[in-house]
Each structure stands twice: as C-alpha cells, then as structure tokens.
Amino acid sequence: MKKTWRHVSPAWDALGRTNALGAVLTRADGELASWDSDEFFATGVADAQRFVSELTVLLPTFSHARVLDFGCGVGRVTHALANYFHEAVGVDAAASMIEHARALHMNGCSFVLNDASDLSCFETGSFTAAYSRLVLQHIRPALVKRYIPELVRVLAPGGGLMFQLPEAIGVDPETGIPVLRHLKRYVPWPAVVAWRRLKCRLSAPDKASQMTMFGMPSGKVLALIEDAGGRVLDVRPDNSHGCDRVRGFEYWVTR
C-alpha cells in the first residue's frame, strides 16, 4: 500500500477538527495553543514578508506569478503570500485543515487536498516560488526523500524554494527528566520508532503528543536537491523546530 501523510500521522485530521490553529502553531513548550484568529494570521503576515524579502535578495528577478505553500494547514501563510503573488496555492494532507482554509474565502488563494506521497497533482515547473516551514519535520524521512525532489520539480526555472528541516532527531524532542533524556540518546532507532508509535496510539488523537518529530542529515538533504536538478542558494541555521540540541536549517533553492 502506498504510504501517505495520513497513513504516517493520522492524528492531523483530528487535530484540525479540535484545535486547527493550535495544531498549526503550537506553544513554545510544544503543546497546543489557544489562538485569537487575528493574532494567528498576523504571524503568517510576518513570515510571508520575510520569505519574499529574503528571496528577493537571493533571486532579484524571480517571478511573482504563482507560489506554493506546502503543508499549508488552515492557510496561515498562504493568505499573506497572496499579497505578493498573483496566485497562492496551499496544499495539505488533512481534510479538516483544507476545509478550514477554504471556509475563510481568502482572495487570491486556492487550496488542494493531497495525501499522496508525491505532488503529481501539480505540473512540472508550475510555481515560481515555493514555501514550507514546520511541515517536513513531521513527515517520515522515507517520504521526505520523495517530497524534496517533488518541491524542486514543481518549481519553475529561475524560481525560488525555501523549506525548513532539522537534522536527524534520534529521540523525541519533548522535555523531561535530564537523565532520561541523556539515556534516550543511546536508544537504537528501531526502538525509538516503536516507542513513538505506541505513544501515539495511547495518546488522545487531538493531543500535541501525536506530532511526531523527524529530521534528516543536511548532507542527505543537499544531495536530494542536487539530484533533483536544484541549485542551493543558501543554507541558514534555523531552530524553529524547538529542539535545542538538534541543529536545524533553512534551505534556499532555485532551479
């Protein structure tokens, strides 16, 4: 059976139905937040502004025709990106998130439900820019290896892509007793995966503990980009994944 986002993390749809805004943007401690709608979408305005500003420095001539927000959730950043592009398209695997996004009737935005292990719903080179933050870190590495080349594929020549991803996370990033956190560093990866699956099954489907964290060594990420025909513009330190003992990066790419 083909693995999909929903197969890997079935709780996202439930999270979207119980606390969509809190699931998209958690508190500093990783738990679900209670957001005022205006404040929530204001964070997307800041993120979109920074993305476009940084991309303009790296690629001054990139086109503002069409942007993809990969893992858009309820459209927090998609809505704001529509202020800079003729068309902003959000894609997500959770039906509940897409329902929320579409209900907001955002001008200049469209939203696509896609739980496949690729982006075949979009043609090659169909976006002049692409954005993804706090998304790939929740997808198993085997699927991330598929999505990164796909993000490069759908990028138009001369377009710009930015995605964020931490290095490989060998244990859950939750806080806890220091001694236990230290010991967990030495737990074999198969045991870690088994523990994560058990923890998710025992947790309520609308809890933040369902948000399993993954990552990928930067060397592998760079190889995936290169093999897909992408060219790396910059790699910048990024700790938005919230695990201070694991490095994270923003990858800025063109094609």
C-alpha atoms as a PDB file:
ATOM      1  CA  MET A   1       0.000   0.000   0.000  1.00  0.00           C
ATOM      2  CA  LYS A   2       1.294   3.471  -0.869  1.00  0.00           C
ATOM      3  CA  LYS A   3       2.209   5.399   2.251  1.00  0.00           C
ATOM      4  CA  THR A   4       0.607   8.829   2.627  1.00  0.00           C
ATOM      5  CA  TRP A   5       0.799  11.669   5.117  1.00  0.00           C
ATOM      6  CA  ARG A   6      -2.396  10.459   6.717  1.00  0.00           C
ATOM      7  CA  HIS A   7      -1.083   6.897   6.963  1.00  0.00           C
ATOM      8  CA  VAL A   8       2.031   8.142   8.719  1.00  0.00           C
ATOM      9  CA  SER A   9       0.298  10.624  11.031  1.00  0.00           C
ATOM     10  CA  PRO A  10      -3.478  10.022  11.162  1.00  0.00           C
ATOM     11  CA  ALA A  11      -3.911  12.466  14.045  1.00  0.00           C
ATOM     12  CA  TRP A  12      -3.505  15.589  11.893  1.00  0.00           C
ATOM     13  CA  ASP A  13      -7.058  15.457  10.640  1.00  0.00           C
ATOM     14  CA  ALA A  14      -8.335  15.044  14.218  1.00  0.00           C
ATOM     15  CA  LEU A  15      -6.127  17.910  15.371  1.00  0.00           C
ATOM     16  CA  GLY A  16      -7.588  20.068  12.632  1.00  0.00           C
ATOM     17  CA  ARG A  17     -11.104  19.336  13.819  1.00  0.00           C
ATOM     18  CA  THR A  18     -10.436  20.036  17.505  1.00  0.00           C
ATOM     19  CA  ASN A  19      -7.904  22.891  17.513  1.00  0.00           C
ATOM     20  CA  ALA A  20      -6.767  23.726  13.991  1.00  0.00           C
ATOM     21  CA  LEU A  21      -4.962  26.970  14.844  1.00  0.00           C
ATOM     22  CA  GLY A  22      -3.205  25.496  17.878  1.00  0.00           C
ATOM     23  CA  ALA A  23      -2.079  22.459  15.909  1.00  0.00           C
ATOM     24  CA  VAL A  24      -0.589  24.589  13.132  1.00  0.00           C
ATOM     25  CA  LEU A  25       1.318  26.848  15.513  1.00  0.00           C
ATOM     26  CA  THR A  26       1.983  25.292  18.929  1.00  0.00           C
ATOM     27  CA  ARG A  27       3.143  26.998  22.103  1.00  0.00           C
ATOM     28  CA  ALA A  28       6.834  27.326  22.943  1.00  0.00           C
ATOM     29  CA  ASP A  29       6.597  24.133  25.015  1.00  0.00           C
ATOM     30  CA  GLY A  30       5.166  22.216  22.057  1.00  0.00           C
ATOM     31  CA  GLU A  31       1.625  21.938  23.391  1.00  0.00           C
ATOM     32  CA  LEU A  32      -1.493  23.099  21.580  1.00  0.00           C
ATOM     33  CA  ALA A  33      -2.061  26.834  21.814  1.00  0.00           C
ATOM     34  CA  SER A  34      -5.291  28.803  22.127  1.00  0.00           C
ATOM     35  CA  TRP A  35      -5.099  31.484  19.449  1.00  0.00           C
ATOM     36  CA  ASP A  36      -7.011  34.641  18.708  1.00  0.00           C
ATOM     37  CA  SER A  37      -7.697  34.426  14.967  1.00  0.00           C
ATOM     38  CA  ASP A  38      -6.313  37.886  14.136  1.00  0.00           C
ATOM     39  CA  GLU A  39      -3.113  37.264  16.107  1.00  0.00           C
ATOM     40  CA  PHE A  40      -2.699  33.866  14.497  1.00  0.00           C
ATOM     41  CA  PHE A  41      -2.903  35.163  10.938  1.00  0.00           C
ATOM     42  CA  ALA A  42      -0.685  38.132  11.808  1.00  0.00           C
ATOM     43  CA  THR A  43       2.154  35.648  12.350  1.00  0.00           C
ATOM     44  CA  GLY A  44       1.638  34.494   8.774  1.00  0.00           C
ATOM     45  CA  VAL A  45       1.953  38.063   7.524  1.00  0.00           C
ATOM     46  CA  ALA A  46       5.353  38.369   9.194  1.00  0.00           C
ATOM     47  CA  ASP A  47       6.530  35.001   7.826  1.00  0.00           C
ATOM     48  CA  ALA A  48       5.414  35.774   4.272  1.00  0.00           C
ATOM     49  CA  GLN A  49       7.026  39.201   4.350  1.00  0.00           C
ATOM     50  CA  ARG A  50      10.327  37.733   5.486  1.00  0.00           C
ATOM     51  CA  PHE A  51      10.206  34.965   2.864  1.00  0.00           C
ATOM     52  CA  VAL A  52       9.596  37.347  -0.021  1.00  0.00           C
ATOM     53  CA  SER A  53      12.179  39.827   1.263  1.00  0.00           C
ATOM     54  CA  GLU A  54      14.889  37.186   1.625  1.00  0.00           C
ATOM     55  CA  LEU A  55      14.044  35.570  -1.702  1.00  0.00           C
ATOM     56  CA  THR A  56      14.233  38.942  -3.437  1.00  0.00           C
ATOM     57  CA  VAL A  57      17.789  39.368  -2.170  1.00  0.00           C
ATOM     58  CA  LEU A  58      18.800  35.899  -3.357  1.00  0.00           C
ATOM     59  CA  LEU A  59      16.847  35.988  -6.650  1.00  0.00           C
ATOM     60  CA  PRO A  60      16.103  39.608  -7.597  1.00  0.00           C
ATOM     61  CA  THR A  61      14.420  38.639 -10.870  1.00  0.00           C
ATOM     62  CA  PHE A  62      12.154  35.813  -9.661  1.00  0.00           C
ATOM     63  CA  SER A  63       8.572  35.980 -10.886  1.00  0.00           C
ATOM     64  CA  HIS A  64       5.668  36.776  -8.565  1.00  0.00           C
ATOM     65  CA  ALA A  65       3.248  34.750 -10.680  1.00  0.00           C
ATOM     66  CA  ARG A  66       2.386  31.706  -8.545  1.00  0.00           C
ATOM     67  CA  VAL A  67       3.517  30.437  -5.142  1.00  0.00           C
ATOM     68  CA  LEU A  68       3.030  27.071  -3.432  1.00  0.00           C
ATOM     69  CA  ASP A  69       2.574  26.794   0.335  1.00  0.00           C
ATOM     70  CA  PHE A  70       3.446  23.144   1.038  1.00  0.00           C
ATOM     71  CA  GLY A  71       1.757  21.896   4.235  1.00  0.00           C
ATOM     72  CA  CYS A  72      -0.439  24.981   4.372  1.00  0.00           C
ATOM     73  CA  GLY A  73      -2.684  23.944   7.259  1.00  0.00           C
ATOM     74  CA  VAL A  74      -5.509  26.492   7.512  1.00  0.00           C
ATOM     75  CA  GLY A  75      -3.721  28.941   5.212  1.00  0.00           C
ATOM     76  CA  ARG A  76      -1.852  30.950   7.854  1.00  0.00           C
ATOM     77  CA  VAL A  77       0.945  31.869   5.430  1.00  0.00           C
ATOM     78  CA  THR A  78      -0.929  31.223   2.167  1.00  0.00           C
ATOM     79  CA  HIS A  79      -3.252  34.134   2.854  1.00  0.00           C
ATOM     80  CA  ALA A  80      -0.347  36.502   3.375  1.00  0.00           C
ATOM     81  CA  LEU A  81       1.587  35.204   0.355  1.00  0.00           C
ATOM     82  CA  ALA A  82      -1.363  36.198  -1.832  1.00  0.00           C
ATOM     83  CA  ASN A  83      -0.392  39.819  -1.188  1.00  0.00           C
ATOM     84  CA  TYR A  84       2.891  39.245  -3.061  1.00  0.00           C
ATOM     85  CA  PHE A  85       1.870  36.804  -5.813  1.00  0.00           C
ATOM     86  CA  HIS A  86      -0.831  36.739  -8.468  1.00  0.00           C
ATOM     87  CA  GLU A  87      -1.896  33.327  -7.159  1.00  0.00           C
ATOM     88  CA  ALA A  88      -1.165  31.476  -3.921  1.00  0.00           C
ATOM     89  CA  VAL A  89      -1.864  27.745  -3.711  1.00  0.00           C
ATOM     90  CA  GLY A  90      -1.906  25.854  -0.430  1.00  0.00           C
ATOM     91  CA  VAL A  91      -1.619  22.070  -0.271  1.00  0.00           C
ATOM     92  CA  ASP A  92      -2.141  19.865   2.773  1.00  0.00           C
ATOM     93  CA  ALA A  93      -2.892  16.240   3.644  1.00  0.00           C
ATOM     94  CA  ALA A  94      -5.500  16.910   6.346  1.00  0.00           C
ATOM     95  CA  ALA A  95      -9.044  17.351   5.038  1.00  0.00           C
ATOM     96  CA  SER A  96     -10.062  19.294   8.148  1.00  0.00           C
ATOM     97  CA  MET A  97      -7.289  21.845   7.610  1.00  0.00           C
ATOM     98  CA  ILE A  98      -8.237  22.351   3.960  1.00  0.00           C
ATOM     99  CA  GLU A  99     -11.891  22.734   4.971  1.00  0.00           C
ATOM    100  CA  HIS A 100     -10.932  25.497   7.417  1.00  0.00           C
ATOM    101  CA  ALA A 101      -8.766  27.229   4.807  1.00  0.00           C
ATOM    102  CA  ARG A 102     -11.464  27.157   2.137  1.00  0.00           C
ATOM    103  CA  ALA A 103     -14.116  28.411   4.575  1.00  0.00           C
ATOM    104  CA  LEU A 104     -12.135  31.613   5.084  1.00  0.00           C
ATOM    105  CA  HIS A 105     -12.704  32.604   1.434  1.00  0.00           C
ATOM    106  CA  MET A 106      -9.233  34.068   1.011  1.00  0.00           C
ATOM    107  CA  ASN A 107      -8.864  36.242  -2.095  1.00  0.00           C
ATOM    108  CA  GLY A 108      -6.151  35.087  -4.464  1.00  0.00           C
ATOM    109  CA  CYS A 109      -5.836  31.705  -2.728  1.00  0.00           C
ATOM    110  CA  SER A 110      -6.797  28.162  -3.633  1.00  0.00           C
ATOM    111  CA  PHE A 111      -6.349  25.029  -1.557  1.00  0.00           C
ATOM    112  CA  VAL A 112      -5.657  21.455  -2.628  1.00  0.00           C
ATOM    113  CA  LEU A 113      -6.134  18.304  -0.557  1.00  0.00           C
ATOM    114  CA  ASN A 114      -3.325  15.853  -1.346  1.00  0.00           C
ATOM    115  CA  ASP A 115      -2.368  12.878   0.812  1.00  0.00           C
ATOM    116  CA  ALA A 116      -0.290  11.159  -1.879  1.00  0.00           C
ATOM    117  CA  SER A 117       3.425  10.523  -1.470  1.00  0.00           C
ATOM    118  CA  ASP A 118       4.205  12.938  -4.312  1.00  0.00           C
ATOM    119  CA  LEU A 119       2.973  16.191  -5.844  1.00  0.00           C
ATOM    120  CA  SER A 120       1.719  14.703  -9.092  1.00  0.00           C
ATOM    121  CA  CYS A 121      -1.376  16.886  -8.699  1.00  0.00           C
ATOM    122  CA  PHE A 122       0.852  19.751  -9.928  1.00  0.00           C
ATOM    123  CA  GLU A 123       2.641  20.003 -13.259  1.00  0.00           C
ATOM    124  CA  THR A 124       6.421  20.328 -13.508  1.00  0.00           C
ATOM    125  CA  GLY A 125       7.588  23.939 -13.272  1.00  0.00           C
ATOM    126  CA  SER A 126       4.145  25.254 -12.344  1.00  0.00           C
ATOM    127  CA  PHE A 127       5.241  27.511  -9.445  1.00  0.00           C
ATOM    128  CA  THR A 128       7.607  30.464  -9.472  1.00  0.00           C
ATOM    129  CA  ALA A 129       8.118  30.180  -5.718  1.00  0.00           C
ATOM    130  CA  ALA A 130       7.513  27.563  -3.026  1.00  0.00           C
ATOM    131  CA  TYR A 131       7.478  27.769   0.764  1.00  0.00           C
ATOM    132  CA  SER A 132       7.401  25.132   3.515  1.00  0.00           C
ATOM    133  CA  ARG A 133       8.020  25.647   7.222  1.00  0.00           C
ATOM    134  CA  LEU A 134       7.273  23.390  10.218  1.00  0.00           C
ATOM    135  CA  VAL A 135       5.989  20.685   7.889  1.00  0.00           C
ATOM    136  CA  LEU A 136       8.688  18.287   6.670  1.00  0.00           C
ATOM    137  CA  GLN A 137       9.821  17.791  10.275  1.00  0.00           C
ATOM    138  CA  HIS A 138       6.579  15.892  10.926  1.00  0.00           C
ATOM    139  CA  ILE A 139       6.959  13.531   7.952  1.00  0.00           C
ATOM    140  CA  ARG A 140       8.923  10.299   7.992  1.00  0.00           C
ATOM    141  CA  PRO A 141      12.332  10.532   6.272  1.00  0.00           C
ATOM    142  CA  ALA A 142      11.306   7.957   3.650  1.00  0.00           C
ATOM    143  CA  LEU A 143       8.578  10.330   2.487  1.00  0.00           C
ATOM    144  CA  VAL A 144      10.676  13.466   2.885  1.00  0.00           C
ATOM    145  CA  LYS A 145      13.068  11.884   0.376  1.00  0.00           C
ATOM    146  CA  ARG A 146      10.190  11.926  -2.089  1.00  0.00           C
ATOM    147  CA  TYR A 147       8.783  15.350  -1.288  1.00  0.00           C
ATOM    148  CA  ILE A 148      12.030  17.339  -1.530  1.00  0.00           C
ATOM    149  CA  PRO A 149      12.643  16.301  -5.170  1.00  0.00           C
ATOM    150  CA  GLU A 150       8.972  16.981  -5.882  1.00  0.00           C
ATOM    151  CA  LEU A 151       9.255  20.517  -4.484  1.00  0.00           C
ATOM    152  CA  VAL A 152      12.188  21.086  -6.816  1.00  0.00           C
ATOM    153  CA  ARG A 153      10.299  19.545  -9.748  1.00  0.00           C
ATOM    154  CA  VAL A 154       7.251  21.815  -9.466  1.00  0.00           C
ATOM    155  CA  LEU A 155       9.492  24.895  -9.272  1.00  0.00           C
ATOM    156  CA  ALA A 156       9.779  26.883 -12.487  1.00  0.00           C
ATOM    157  CA  PRO A 157      13.270  27.607 -13.848  1.00  0.00           C
ATOM    158  CA  GLY A 158      14.565  30.702 -12.103  1.00  0.00           C
ATOM    159  CA  GLY A 159      12.065  30.286  -9.284  1.00  0.00           C
ATOM    160  CA  GLY A 160      12.850  30.090  -5.578  1.00  0.00           C
ATOM    161  CA  LEU A 161      12.100  27.488  -2.921  1.00  0.00           C
ATOM    162  CA  MET A 162      12.600  27.677   0.825  1.00  0.00           C
ATOM    163  CA  PHE A 163      11.963  24.796   3.215  1.00  0.00           C
ATOM    164  CA  GLN A 164      12.977  24.200   6.810  1.00  0.00           C
ATOM    165  CA  LEU A 165      14.100  20.889   8.280  1.00  0.00           C
ATOM    166  CA  PRO A 166      16.094  19.842  11.354  1.00  0.00           C
ATOM    167  CA  GLU A 167      18.951  17.387  11.322  1.00  0.00           C
ATOM    168  CA  ALA A 168      18.050  13.783  12.195  1.00  0.00           C
ATOM    169  CA  ILE A 169      16.222  13.607  15.516  1.00  0.00           C
ATOM    170  CA  GLY A 170      17.088  10.302  17.159  1.00  0.00           C
ATOM    171  CA  VAL A 171      14.719  10.654  20.088  1.00  0.00           C
ATOM    172  CA  ASP A 172      11.539  12.551  20.852  1.00  0.00           C
ATOM    173  CA  PRO A 173      12.275  16.239  21.460  1.00  0.00           C
ATOM    174  CA  GLU A 174       9.969  16.560  24.450  1.00  0.00           C
ATOM    175  CA  THR A 175      11.294  17.853  27.741  1.00  0.00           C
ATOM    176  CA  GLY A 176      11.588  15.569  30.718  1.00  0.00           C
ATOM    177  CA  ILE A 177      13.976  14.284  33.348  1.00  0.00           C
ATOM    178  CA  PRO A 178      17.540  15.221  32.239  1.00  0.00           C
ATOM    179  CA  VAL A 179      18.982  11.798  32.997  1.00  0.00           C
ATOM    180  CA  LEU A 180      16.300  10.081  30.932  1.00  0.00           C
ATOM    181  CA  ARG A 181      16.812  12.492  28.044  1.00  0.00           C
ATOM    182  CA  HIS A 182      20.522  11.674  28.116  1.00  0.00           C
ATOM    183  CA  LEU A 183      19.930   7.926  28.155  1.00  0.00           C
ATOM    184  CA  LYS A 184      17.462   8.141  25.267  1.00  0.00           C
ATOM    185  CA  ARG A 185      20.258   9.370  23.034  1.00  0.00           C
ATOM    186  CA  TYR A 186      21.642   5.826  23.019  1.00  0.00           C
ATOM    187  CA  VAL A 187      18.385   4.030  22.253  1.00  0.00           C
ATOM    188  CA  PRO A 188      18.503   2.181  18.878  1.00  0.00           C
ATOM    189  CA  TRP A 189      16.438   3.892  16.189  1.00  0.00           C
ATOM    190  CA  PRO A 190      14.004   0.952  15.661  1.00  0.00           C
ATOM    191  CA  ALA A 191      13.188   1.075  19.378  1.00  0.00           C
ATOM    192  CA  VAL A 192      12.601   4.826  19.156  1.00  0.00           C
ATOM    193  CA  VAL A 193      10.189   4.369  16.254  1.00  0.00           C
ATOM    194  CA  ALA A 194       8.338   1.623  18.141  1.00  0.00           C
ATOM    195  CA  TRP A 195       8.060   3.867  21.200  1.00  0.00           C
ATOM    196  CA  ARG A 196       6.728   6.767  19.154  1.00  0.00           C
ATOM    197  CA  ARG A 197       4.066   4.553  17.567  1.00  0.00           C
ATOM    198  CA  LEU A 198       2.993   3.225  20.945  1.00  0.00           C
ATOM    199  CA  LYS A 199       2.884   6.707  22.448  1.00  0.00           C
ATOM    200  CA  CYS A 200       0.700   7.964  19.608  1.00  0.00           C
ATOM    201  CA  ARG A 201      -1.699   5.033  19.959  1.00  0.00           C
ATOM    202  CA  LEU A 202      -2.033   5.637  23.698  1.00  0.00           C
ATOM    203  CA  SER A 203      -2.484   9.403  23.306  1.00  0.00           C
ATOM    204  CA  ALA A 204      -5.798  11.025  22.508  1.00  0.00           C
ATOM    205  CA  PRO A 205      -5.993  11.850  18.793  1.00  0.00           C
ATOM    206  CA  ASP A 206      -6.284  15.595  19.451  1.00  0.00           C
ATOM    207  CA  LYS A 207      -3.146  15.906  21.601  1.00  0.00           C
ATOM    208  CA  ALA A 208       0.137  17.538  20.606  1.00  0.00           C
ATOM    209  CA  SER A 209       1.953  14.335  21.538  1.00  0.00           C
ATOM    210  CA  GLN A 210       0.693  12.966  18.220  1.00  0.00           C
ATOM    211  CA  MET A 211       3.058  15.349  16.393  1.00  0.00           C
ATOM    212  CA  THR A 212       5.986  13.010  15.963  1.00  0.00           C
ATOM    213  CA  MET A 213       9.218  14.795  15.037  1.00  0.00           C
ATOM    214  CA  PHE A 214      11.733  13.639  12.468  1.00  0.00           C
ATOM    215  CA  GLY A 215      14.656  15.150  10.611  1.00  0.00           C
ATOM    216  CA  MET A 216      17.340  14.426   8.062  1.00  0.00           C
ATOM    217  CA  PRO A 217      21.119  14.992   7.919  1.00  0.00           C
ATOM    218  CA  SER A 218      21.884  18.123   5.926  1.00  0.00           C
ATOM    219  CA  GLY A 219      24.227  16.195   3.626  1.00  0.00           C
ATOM    220  CA  LYS A 220      21.362  13.967   2.505  1.00  0.00           C
ATOM    221  CA  VAL A 221      19.101  16.975   2.002  1.00  0.00           C
ATOM    222  CA  LEU A 222      21.681  18.691  -0.200  1.00  0.00           C
ATOM    223  CA  ALA A 223      22.157  15.511  -2.239  1.00  0.00           C
ATOM    224  CA  LEU A 224      18.392  15.218  -2.803  1.00  0.00           C
ATOM    225  CA  ILE A 225      18.244  18.805  -4.015  1.00  0.00           C
ATOM    226  CA  GLU A 226      21.166  18.339  -6.384  1.00  0.00           C
ATOM    227  CA  ASP A 227      19.899  15.021  -7.762  1.00  0.00           C
ATOM    228  CA  ALA A 228      16.534  16.660  -8.495  1.00  0.00           C
ATOM    229  CA  GLY A 229      18.181  19.384 -10.555  1.00  0.00           C
ATOM    230  CA  GLY A 230      18.053  22.085  -7.921  1.00  0.00           C
ATOM    231  CA  ARG A 231      20.770  24.574  -7.054  1.00  0.00           C
ATOM    232  CA  VAL A 232      21.305  25.613  -3.449  1.00  0.00           C
ATOM    233  CA  LEU A 233      21.359  29.367  -2.943  1.00  0.00           C
ATOM    234  CA  ASP A 234      21.928  29.341   0.803  1.00  0.00           C
ATOM    235  CA  VAL A 235      21.690  27.153   3.903  1.00  0.00           C
ATOM    236  CA  ARG A 236      20.918  29.026   7.109  1.00  0.00           C
ATOM    237  CA  PRO A 237      20.717  27.906  10.740  1.00  0.00           C
ATOM    238  CA  ASP A 238      17.139  27.566  11.964  1.00  0.00           C
ATOM    239  CA  ASN A 239      15.860  26.391  15.345  1.00  0.00           C
ATOM    240  CA  SER A 240      12.121  26.755  14.805  1.00  0.00           C
ATOM    241  CA  HIS A 241      11.689  23.007  15.350  1.00  0.00           C
ATOM    242  CA  GLY A 242      12.167  23.710  19.075  1.00  0.00           C
ATOM    243  CA  CYS A 243      14.763  21.060  19.934  1.00  0.00           C
ATOM    244  CA  ASP A 244      17.839  22.994  21.037  1.00  0.00           C
ATOM    245  CA  ARG A 245      20.196  20.003  20.965  1.00  0.00           C
ATOM    246  CA  VAL A 246      19.458  19.262  17.296  1.00  0.00           C
ATOM    247  CA  ARG A 247      20.566  21.648  14.573  1.00  0.00           C
ATOM    248  CA  GLY A 248      18.064  22.813  12.016  1.00  0.00           C
ATOM    249  CA  PHE A 249      18.357  24.646   8.720  1.00  0.00           C
ATOM    250  CA  GLU A 250      16.539  26.690   6.115  1.00  0.00           C
ATOM    251  CA  TYR A 251      17.342  25.551   2.598  1.00  0.00           C
ATOM    252  CA  TRP A 252      17.031  28.178  -0.146  1.00  0.00           C
ATOM    253  CA  VAL A 253      16.940  26.619  -3.599  1.00  0.00           C
ATOM    254  CA  THR A 254      16.456  27.579  -7.238  1.00  0.00           C
ATOM    255  CA  ARG A 255      16.105  25.587 -10.439  1.00  0.00           C
END
